[in-house]
Amino acid sequence: MKLNHIYHGDCVDVMRTFPEGVIDLTVTSPPYDNLRTYKGYTFNFEEIAKELYRVTKQGGVVVWVVGDATIKGSETGTSFRQALYFKEIGFNLHDTMIYHKDNPAPVGGHNRYYQAFEYMFVLSKGKPKTFNPILTPRRNKWNDKRTVRYRGVTRNKDGEFEKKLVKVNEMVKKQNLWTYVVSGGSSSTDRIAHQHPAIFPEKLAEDHVLSWSNEGDIVLDPMCGSGTTCKMAKLNGRNYIGIDIAEEYVEMARRRVEEVSKE
């Protein structure tokens, strides 16, 4: 197993060469429901899932970013079936997060709302060994920056009533609905990345890398496409491994990661 390398090949075959229990974090978005042709290659979900379980460390996490197609007026539900299969083979479904696309291209029929999200299933092998929560400014009904709040009323020694002040943290954990702008080239500043038909935002990959891994950990993307996960892992001091079956995407990903070294 070679660290900080992007492999060209079928991800199942490549992962089978890895030792057991070596990956700290996987962040990936597989091709789903044949919404896009992927160079004519097939997608063997169950074998991929089994190999991900085998190579993941105890306490490691897999972030599976996926959605559903609508066929003949009905959503396929493929995402849910995949999440349940992950549970069947031993993963915990640690969290079901939402990737909300701000200002996406309109997708949907005349009698349904436009589709603007995908699922981010956070799967863990046992209890996650790492959680570095992303913090965001506290919002409250006063919409101000007060750092104290009244909580309850107590009687002091003189028999008088007084309000009890409680210090409030200005920053709180981010919620599990994450919004990213996806239009107008916002997903990446790398022009080459947009030659891939289905990139996801660099910030999305970075937020998961920061949340579920530490510096020096190994981050995998077994269907790395344009290399976004690998790039963000490298930028944040993690080791990366990427795999893709399409040679042109492997070259694209390698170029993007190489540019990080020049910065």
Protein backbone atom coordinates (compact mmCIF):
# COMPACT_ATOMS: atom_id res chain seq x y z
CA MET A 1 0.00 0.00 0.00
CA LYS A 2 1.50 3.28 -1.11
CA LEU A 3 0.64 6.46 0.78
CA ASN A 4 0.12 9.81 -0.92
CA HIS A 5 -0.55 8.09 -4.20
CA ILE A 6 -3.46 7.88 -6.63
CA TYR A 7 -3.96 4.42 -8.09
CA HIS A 8 -5.37 3.66 -11.52
CA GLY A 9 -7.59 0.60 -11.33
CA ASP A 10 -10.77 -0.98 -10.04
CA CYS A 11 -11.14 0.11 -6.42
CA VAL A 12 -12.13 -3.37 -5.22
CA ASP A 13 -9.01 -4.92 -6.75
CA VAL A 14 -6.78 -2.16 -5.39
CA MET A 15 -8.26 -2.25 -1.87
CA ARG A 16 -7.77 -6.03 -1.78
CA THR A 17 -4.01 -5.36 -1.82
CA PHE A 18 -4.27 -3.25 1.36
CA PRO A 19 -3.73 -4.71 4.84
CA GLU A 20 -6.73 -5.01 7.11
CA GLY A 21 -7.65 -2.07 9.34
CA VAL A 22 -5.35 0.65 8.01
CA ILE A 23 -7.68 3.48 6.87
CA ASP A 24 -8.72 6.19 9.33
CA LEU A 25 -11.24 7.96 7.11
CA THR A 26 -12.90 7.49 3.75
CA VAL A 27 -14.71 10.37 2.04
CA THR A 28 -16.23 9.45 -1.30
CA SER A 29 -19.16 10.01 -3.63
CA PRO A 30 -19.92 6.99 -5.81
CA PRO A 31 -21.71 7.02 -9.15
CA TYR A 32 -25.32 6.24 -8.34
CA ASP A 33 -28.42 5.09 -10.23
CA ASN A 34 -26.66 5.51 -13.58
CA LEU A 35 -27.34 9.25 -13.48
CA ARG A 36 -24.07 9.68 -15.36
CA THR A 37 -22.22 7.21 -17.51
CA TYR A 38 -18.80 6.54 -16.03
CA LYS A 39 -16.69 5.57 -19.00
CA GLY A 40 -18.73 2.40 -19.38
CA TYR A 41 -17.51 0.90 -16.09
CA THR A 42 -19.79 -0.96 -13.70
CA PHE A 43 -20.25 -0.18 -10.01
CA ASN A 44 -20.14 -3.21 -7.70
CA PHE A 45 -21.53 -1.64 -4.54
CA GLU A 46 -21.60 -4.67 -2.25
CA GLU A 47 -17.98 -5.65 -2.94
CA ILE A 48 -16.87 -2.04 -2.44
CA ALA A 49 -18.73 -1.86 0.88
CA LYS A 50 -17.16 -5.11 2.12
CA GLU A 51 -13.66 -3.95 1.25
CA LEU A 52 -14.25 -0.59 2.91
CA TYR A 53 -15.23 -2.39 6.09
CA ARG A 54 -12.16 -4.62 5.95
CA VAL A 55 -9.61 -1.84 5.41
CA THR A 56 -11.16 0.63 7.88
CA LYS A 57 -9.56 0.86 11.32
CA GLN A 58 -11.58 0.18 14.45
CA GLY A 59 -13.08 3.58 15.20
CA GLY A 60 -12.57 4.71 11.61
CA VAL A 61 -15.23 6.51 9.60
CA VAL A 62 -16.63 6.29 6.06
CA VAL A 63 -18.49 9.32 4.68
CA TRP A 64 -20.69 8.12 1.81
CA VAL A 65 -22.13 11.03 -0.22
CA VAL A 66 -25.02 9.82 -2.37
CA GLY A 67 -28.44 10.68 -3.78
CA ASP A 68 -31.30 9.05 -5.66
CA ALA A 69 -32.56 9.24 -9.20
CA THR A 70 -36.25 9.70 -9.97
CA ILE A 71 -37.43 7.08 -12.45
CA LYS A 72 -40.99 7.02 -13.77
CA GLY A 73 -42.12 9.40 -11.07
CA SER A 74 -40.60 7.52 -8.14
CA GLU A 75 -37.30 7.99 -6.34
CA THR A 76 -35.22 4.81 -6.38
CA GLY A 77 -34.34 4.76 -2.68
CA THR A 78 -30.92 3.36 -3.58
CA SER A 79 -29.24 5.57 -0.97
CA PHE A 80 -31.27 4.05 1.87
CA ARG A 81 -30.68 0.50 0.66
CA GLN A 82 -26.95 1.18 0.60
CA ALA A 83 -27.00 2.66 4.12
CA LEU A 84 -28.86 -0.41 5.41
CA TYR A 85 -26.39 -2.74 3.70
CA PHE A 86 -23.49 -0.96 5.39
CA LYS A 87 -25.23 -1.66 8.70
CA GLU A 88 -25.73 -5.32 7.76
CA ILE A 89 -22.00 -5.87 7.25
CA GLY A 90 -21.03 -4.27 10.55
CA PHE A 91 -20.86 -0.49 10.20
CA ASN A 92 -22.73 1.81 12.56
CA LEU A 93 -24.87 4.45 10.89
CA HIS A 94 -23.36 7.17 13.06
CA ASP A 95 -25.16 10.10 11.43
CA THR A 96 -27.33 10.88 8.43
CA MET A 97 -26.19 14.30 7.30
CA ILE A 98 -27.52 16.50 4.51
CA TYR A 99 -25.45 18.15 1.81
CA HIS A 100 -27.60 21.10 0.79
CA LYS A 101 -26.72 22.61 -2.57
CA ASP A 102 -27.14 26.37 -2.57
CA ASN A 103 -28.23 27.68 -5.98
CA PRO A 104 -28.01 24.38 -7.90
CA ALA A 105 -29.15 23.85 -11.48
CA PRO A 106 -32.93 23.15 -11.47
CA VAL A 107 -33.59 19.40 -11.34
CA GLY A 108 -37.09 18.00 -10.98
CA GLY A 109 -40.39 17.51 -12.75
CA HIS A 110 -43.28 19.93 -13.16
CA ASN A 111 -45.13 18.41 -10.21
CA ARG A 112 -42.32 18.20 -7.65
CA TYR A 113 -39.93 20.58 -5.91
CA TYR A 114 -36.46 21.05 -7.29
CA GLN A 115 -33.88 18.62 -5.94
CA ALA A 116 -31.27 20.47 -3.87
CA PHE A 117 -29.59 17.96 -1.56
CA GLU A 118 -27.75 14.68 -1.22
CA TYR A 119 -27.24 12.42 1.78
CA MET A 120 -23.93 12.20 3.60
CA PHE A 121 -24.06 8.91 5.51
CA VAL A 122 -21.44 8.91 8.26
CA LEU A 123 -20.60 5.27 8.92
CA SER A 124 -18.29 4.17 11.71
CA LYS A 125 -16.56 0.91 12.59
CA GLY A 126 -17.48 0.96 16.24
CA LYS A 127 -17.47 4.28 18.04
CA PRO A 128 -15.67 7.02 16.04
CA LYS A 129 -12.19 7.43 17.49
CA THR A 130 -11.96 11.03 16.29
CA PHE A 131 -14.43 13.88 16.32
CA ASN A 132 -13.21 17.44 15.91
CA PRO A 133 -16.48 19.38 15.72
CA ILE A 134 -16.68 22.35 13.41
CA LEU A 135 -17.85 25.38 15.37
CA THR A 136 -20.15 28.13 14.19
CA PRO A 137 -21.31 31.38 15.85
CA ARG A 138 -24.21 30.88 18.22
CA ARG A 139 -27.56 32.08 16.97
CA ASN A 140 -30.34 32.98 19.39
CA LYS A 141 -33.73 34.61 19.35
CA TRP A 142 -32.22 37.99 20.22
CA ASN A 143 -29.78 37.70 17.31
CA ASP A 144 -27.06 39.38 19.35
CA LYS A 145 -23.65 38.49 20.74
CA ARG A 146 -24.45 38.38 24.44
CA THR A 147 -22.25 35.98 26.36
CA VAL A 148 -24.41 35.68 29.48
CA ARG A 149 -27.98 34.57 29.89
CA TYR A 150 -30.42 34.56 32.80
CA ARG A 151 -31.35 31.07 33.96
CA GLY A 152 -33.83 30.77 36.80
CA VAL A 153 -34.36 32.86 39.92
CA THR A 154 -32.84 32.17 43.34
CA ARG A 155 -33.31 33.71 46.83
CA ASN A 156 -30.15 35.20 48.36
CA LYS A 157 -29.18 35.29 52.06
CA ASP A 158 -31.12 38.49 52.57
CA GLY A 159 -34.28 36.86 51.34
CA GLU A 160 -34.32 38.82 48.12
CA PHE A 161 -34.84 37.21 44.75
CA GLU A 162 -32.13 37.50 42.13
CA LYS A 163 -31.62 36.17 38.65
CA LYS A 164 -28.80 33.71 38.07
CA LEU A 165 -26.39 34.58 35.26
CA VAL A 166 -24.95 31.75 33.16
CA LYS A 167 -22.07 32.22 30.73
CA VAL A 168 -22.96 31.23 27.18
CA ASN A 169 -20.42 29.96 24.65
CA GLU A 170 -20.20 32.21 21.62
CA MET A 171 -19.40 29.24 19.34
CA VAL A 172 -21.41 26.01 19.10
CA LYS A 173 -21.20 22.79 17.11
CA LYS A 174 -22.36 23.04 13.53
CA GLN A 175 -25.63 21.26 12.75
CA ASN A 176 -25.73 18.22 10.47
CA LEU A 177 -27.19 20.09 7.50
CA TRP A 178 -24.26 21.59 5.58
CA THR A 179 -24.82 24.12 2.80
CA TYR A 180 -22.37 24.77 -0.03
CA VAL A 181 -22.64 26.96 -3.13
CA VAL A 182 -22.28 24.72 -6.17
CA SER A 183 -22.98 26.97 -9.16
CA GLY A 184 -20.69 29.19 -11.18
CA GLY A 185 -17.54 27.16 -10.54
CA SER A 186 -17.83 27.57 -6.76
CA SER A 187 -17.02 23.93 -5.98
CA SER A 188 -13.33 24.39 -6.81
CA THR A 189 -10.93 27.09 -7.95
CA ASP A 190 -9.07 24.48 -10.03
CA ARG A 191 -10.24 24.83 -13.60
CA ILE A 192 -9.14 21.32 -14.44
CA ALA A 193 -11.49 19.89 -11.80
CA HIS A 194 -14.53 21.08 -13.74
CA GLN A 195 -13.67 18.71 -16.57
CA HIS A 196 -15.10 15.99 -14.32
CA PRO A 197 -18.92 15.70 -14.54
CA ALA A 198 -19.58 15.32 -10.81
CA ILE A 199 -17.18 17.15 -8.51
CA PHE A 200 -18.27 18.01 -5.01
CA PRO A 201 -17.21 21.16 -3.15
CA GLU A 202 -13.69 21.27 -1.78
CA LYS A 203 -15.07 22.73 1.45
CA LEU A 204 -17.36 19.72 1.91
CA ALA A 205 -14.42 17.32 1.66
CA GLU A 206 -12.30 19.53 3.91
CA ASP A 207 -14.99 19.78 6.59
CA HIS A 208 -15.23 15.99 6.81
CA VAL A 209 -11.45 15.55 6.75
CA LEU A 210 -11.13 17.98 9.66
CA SER A 211 -14.07 16.46 11.56
CA TRP A 212 -13.21 12.76 11.47
CA SER A 213 -9.40 12.59 11.20
CA ASN A 214 -6.22 14.05 12.67
CA GLU A 215 -2.94 15.13 11.13
CA GLY A 216 -0.94 12.13 9.97
CA ASP A 217 -4.03 9.93 9.53
CA ILE A 218 -4.74 8.06 6.28
CA VAL A 219 -7.66 9.36 4.20
CA LEU A 220 -9.01 7.24 1.33
CA ASP A 221 -11.21 8.03 -1.64
CA PRO A 222 -11.79 4.78 -3.57
CA MET A 223 -13.65 6.57 -6.39
CA CYS A 224 -11.64 9.76 -6.30
CA GLY A 225 -12.66 11.28 -9.64
CA SER A 226 -11.02 14.70 -9.90
CA GLY A 227 -9.17 14.18 -6.60
CA THR A 228 -10.97 16.63 -4.31
CA THR A 229 -10.73 14.46 -1.18
CA CYS A 230 -7.04 13.76 -1.80
CA LYS A 231 -6.30 17.44 -2.31
CA MET A 232 -8.02 18.51 0.90
CA ALA A 233 -6.39 15.69 2.88
CA LYS A 234 -2.95 16.83 1.73
CA LEU A 235 -3.69 20.50 2.42
CA ASN A 236 -4.60 19.59 6.00
CA GLY A 237 -1.62 17.40 6.85
CA ARG A 238 -3.19 13.99 6.27
CA ASN A 239 -1.86 11.12 4.16
CA TYR A 240 -4.08 10.32 1.21
CA ILE A 241 -4.85 7.40 -1.06
CA GLY A 242 -6.99 7.84 -4.17
CA ILE A 243 -8.28 5.23 -6.62
CA ASP A 244 -10.11 5.68 -9.89
CA ILE A 245 -10.85 3.36 -12.76
CA ALA A 246 -10.74 6.09 -15.43
CA GLU A 247 -7.18 6.91 -16.43
CA GLU A 248 -7.95 10.49 -17.46
CA TYR A 249 -9.42 11.23 -14.03
CA VAL A 250 -6.41 9.70 -12.32
CA GLU A 251 -4.17 12.08 -14.26
CA MET A 252 -6.46 14.97 -13.39
CA ALA A 253 -6.38 14.11 -9.68
CA ARG A 254 -2.61 13.72 -9.69
CA ARG A 255 -2.18 17.15 -11.27
CA ARG A 256 -4.43 18.77 -8.68
CA VAL A 257 -2.54 17.19 -5.79
CA GLU A 258 0.81 18.12 -7.35
CA GLU A 259 -0.30 21.75 -7.44
CA VAL A 260 -0.73 21.63 -3.64
CA SER A 261 2.99 20.86 -3.32
CA LYS A 262 3.82 24.01 -5.24
CA GLU A 263 1.77 26.30 -3.01
